[in-house]
């Protein structure tokens, strides 16, 4: 499936955040695009947040996931399995350094059913403060 214009998809992202006894779940659903370029898989989508529209590009390659966000939020971060990585997070309220220790990355795509899933598990630190363990699951299917 070598397309750069992309296949329309329906996407659901579920993020679980655990910080001590506190647990928060953030869920959103949207439409986007799925495409393969070289040996990387890309998911692109837009989300409406309180601060405004955010365009997200997720690049999946081997044991690495790069998340690029633009619009009301600017973020560039690489998640690498069993590695600690540093990125940036910027809004109109300010700019923060983010660091993650990624435990697990798993990506599956079924060509027959046209369904896929990306799973990430990591510990997040913002401005040198640990803000909990995050798990993010993105499931998608051809629209």
Protein backbone atom coordinates (compact mmCIF):
# COMPACT_ATOMS: atom_id res chain seq x y z
CA UNK A 1 0.00 0.00 0.00
CA UNK A 2 2.27 2.78 -1.27
CA UNK A 3 0.20 5.97 -1.16
CA UNK A 4 1.33 9.42 -0.19
CA UNK A 5 -2.11 11.02 -0.52
CA UNK A 6 -3.44 8.52 2.01
CA UNK A 7 -6.38 6.28 2.68
CA UNK A 8 -9.22 7.92 4.66
CA UNK A 9 -9.55 6.39 8.13
CA UNK A 10 -11.74 6.60 11.20
CA UNK A 11 -9.49 6.90 14.27
CA UNK A 12 -9.97 6.59 18.03
CA UNK A 13 -7.29 7.61 20.54
CA UNK A 14 -7.48 6.57 24.19
CA UNK A 15 -4.89 7.90 26.64
CA UNK A 16 -4.76 6.62 30.21
CA UNK A 17 -2.76 8.70 32.68
CA UNK A 18 -1.86 7.30 36.11
CA UNK A 19 -0.23 9.53 38.68
CA UNK A 20 -0.15 7.81 42.05
CA UNK A 21 -3.76 6.99 42.92
CA UNK A 22 -5.16 9.43 40.35
CA UNK A 23 -6.26 8.03 36.99
CA UNK A 24 -7.51 10.03 34.05
CA UNK A 25 -8.71 8.77 30.67
CA UNK A 26 -8.83 11.03 27.63
CA UNK A 27 -10.68 9.74 24.55
CA UNK A 28 -11.29 11.36 21.20
CA UNK A 29 -12.47 10.15 17.82
CA UNK A 30 -11.83 11.75 14.44
CA UNK A 31 -11.23 11.12 10.76
CA UNK A 32 -7.77 11.11 9.27
CA UNK A 33 -5.45 9.53 6.74
CA UNK A 34 -3.27 6.42 6.73
CA UNK A 35 -0.37 6.03 4.33
CA UNK A 36 2.92 4.22 3.86
CA UNK A 37 6.03 6.03 2.64
CA UNK A 38 9.21 3.98 2.36
CA UNK A 39 9.38 1.74 5.43
CA UNK A 40 7.33 4.10 7.62
CA UNK A 41 3.59 4.21 8.32
CA UNK A 42 1.93 7.60 8.79
CA UNK A 43 -1.32 8.57 10.49
CA UNK A 44 -2.50 12.16 10.13
CA UNK A 45 -5.52 13.73 11.82
CA UNK A 46 -6.87 16.93 13.30
CA UNK A 47 -8.35 17.45 16.73
CA UNK A 48 -10.27 20.34 18.23
CA UNK A 49 -8.90 21.21 21.66
CA UNK A 50 -9.88 23.97 24.07
CA UNK A 51 -6.89 26.00 22.82
CA UNK A 52 -7.84 25.49 19.14
CA UNK A 53 -7.24 23.14 16.20
CA UNK A 54 -4.25 20.79 16.36
CA UNK A 55 -2.94 18.85 13.35
CA UNK A 56 -1.10 15.66 14.30
CA UNK A 57 1.23 13.47 12.26
CA UNK A 58 2.27 10.12 13.75
CA UNK A 59 5.19 8.40 12.02
CA UNK A 60 5.68 4.72 12.92
CA UNK A 61 8.91 2.97 11.98
CA UNK A 62 10.47 -0.11 13.59
CA UNK A 63 10.48 0.44 17.38
CA UNK A 64 10.09 4.20 17.10
CA UNK A 65 7.11 6.57 16.95
CA UNK A 66 7.47 10.26 16.11
CA UNK A 67 4.61 12.60 16.99
CA UNK A 68 4.49 16.02 15.33
CA UNK A 69 1.75 18.44 16.28
CA UNK A 70 1.11 21.89 14.84
CA UNK A 71 -1.52 24.57 15.22
CA UNK A 72 -2.66 25.58 18.71
CA UNK A 73 -0.08 23.14 20.13
CA UNK A 74 3.41 22.61 18.72
CA UNK A 75 5.05 19.37 19.75
CA UNK A 76 7.83 17.24 18.40
CA UNK A 77 8.68 14.06 20.21
CA UNK A 78 10.21 10.69 19.38
CA UNK A 79 9.21 7.68 21.46
CA UNK A 80 11.82 4.92 21.25
CA UNK A 81 11.23 1.57 22.95
CA UNK A 82 13.37 1.09 26.08
CA UNK A 83 14.88 4.56 25.67
CA UNK A 84 14.65 7.94 27.31
CA UNK A 85 13.98 10.71 24.81
CA UNK A 86 13.54 14.49 25.06
CA UNK A 87 11.19 16.69 23.05
CA UNK A 88 9.34 19.99 23.20
CA UNK A 89 5.76 21.04 23.89
CA UNK A 90 4.62 24.56 23.11
CA UNK A 91 1.30 26.41 23.46
CA UNK A 92 0.33 30.07 23.63
CA UNK A 93 0.82 29.73 27.42
CA UNK A 94 4.48 28.76 27.15
CA UNK A 95 7.05 26.18 26.16
CA UNK A 96 8.05 23.05 28.10
CA UNK A 97 10.68 20.37 27.81
CA UNK A 98 9.20 16.89 27.87
CA UNK A 99 11.06 13.69 28.53
CA UNK A 100 9.72 10.16 28.18
CA UNK A 101 10.96 6.73 29.17
CA UNK A 102 9.14 4.43 26.73
CA UNK A 103 8.54 0.87 27.94
CA UNK A 104 6.61 -0.56 25.05
CA UNK A 105 5.62 0.21 21.47
CA UNK A 106 3.41 -2.13 19.49
CA UNK A 107 1.97 -1.56 16.02
CA UNK A 108 -0.26 -3.90 14.03
CA UNK A 109 -2.03 -3.45 10.73
CA UNK A 110 -4.23 -6.04 9.04
CA UNK A 111 -4.24 -5.54 5.26
CA UNK A 112 -7.31 -7.79 4.89
CA UNK A 113 -9.59 -6.02 7.40
CA UNK A 114 -7.94 -2.59 6.82
CA UNK A 115 -7.68 -2.10 10.59
CA UNK A 116 -4.70 -1.06 12.68
CA UNK A 117 -3.61 -0.38 16.23
CA UNK A 118 -0.73 1.52 17.81
CA UNK A 119 0.04 1.08 21.51
CA UNK A 120 2.54 3.16 23.52
CA UNK A 121 3.43 2.91 27.21
CA UNK A 122 5.71 5.52 28.78
CA UNK A 123 6.55 7.59 31.85
CA UNK A 124 6.25 11.33 31.17
CA UNK A 125 8.28 14.14 32.70
CA UNK A 126 7.44 17.81 31.98
CA UNK A 127 9.94 20.51 33.03
CA UNK A 128 11.80 17.92 35.15
CA UNK A 129 8.62 16.90 37.05
CA UNK A 130 7.27 13.37 36.67
CA UNK A 131 3.62 13.59 35.64
CA UNK A 132 2.74 9.91 35.58
CA UNK A 133 2.60 6.79 33.46
CA UNK A 134 0.78 7.15 30.18
CA UNK A 135 -0.60 4.49 27.89
CA UNK A 136 -1.89 5.58 24.51
CA UNK A 137 -3.85 3.38 22.14
CA UNK A 138 -4.76 4.52 18.66
CA UNK A 139 -7.11 2.21 16.78
CA UNK A 140 -8.12 2.96 13.21
CA UNK A 141 -9.97 1.45 10.29
CA UNK A 142 -10.52 2.41 6.70
CA UNK A 143 -13.42 4.87 6.44
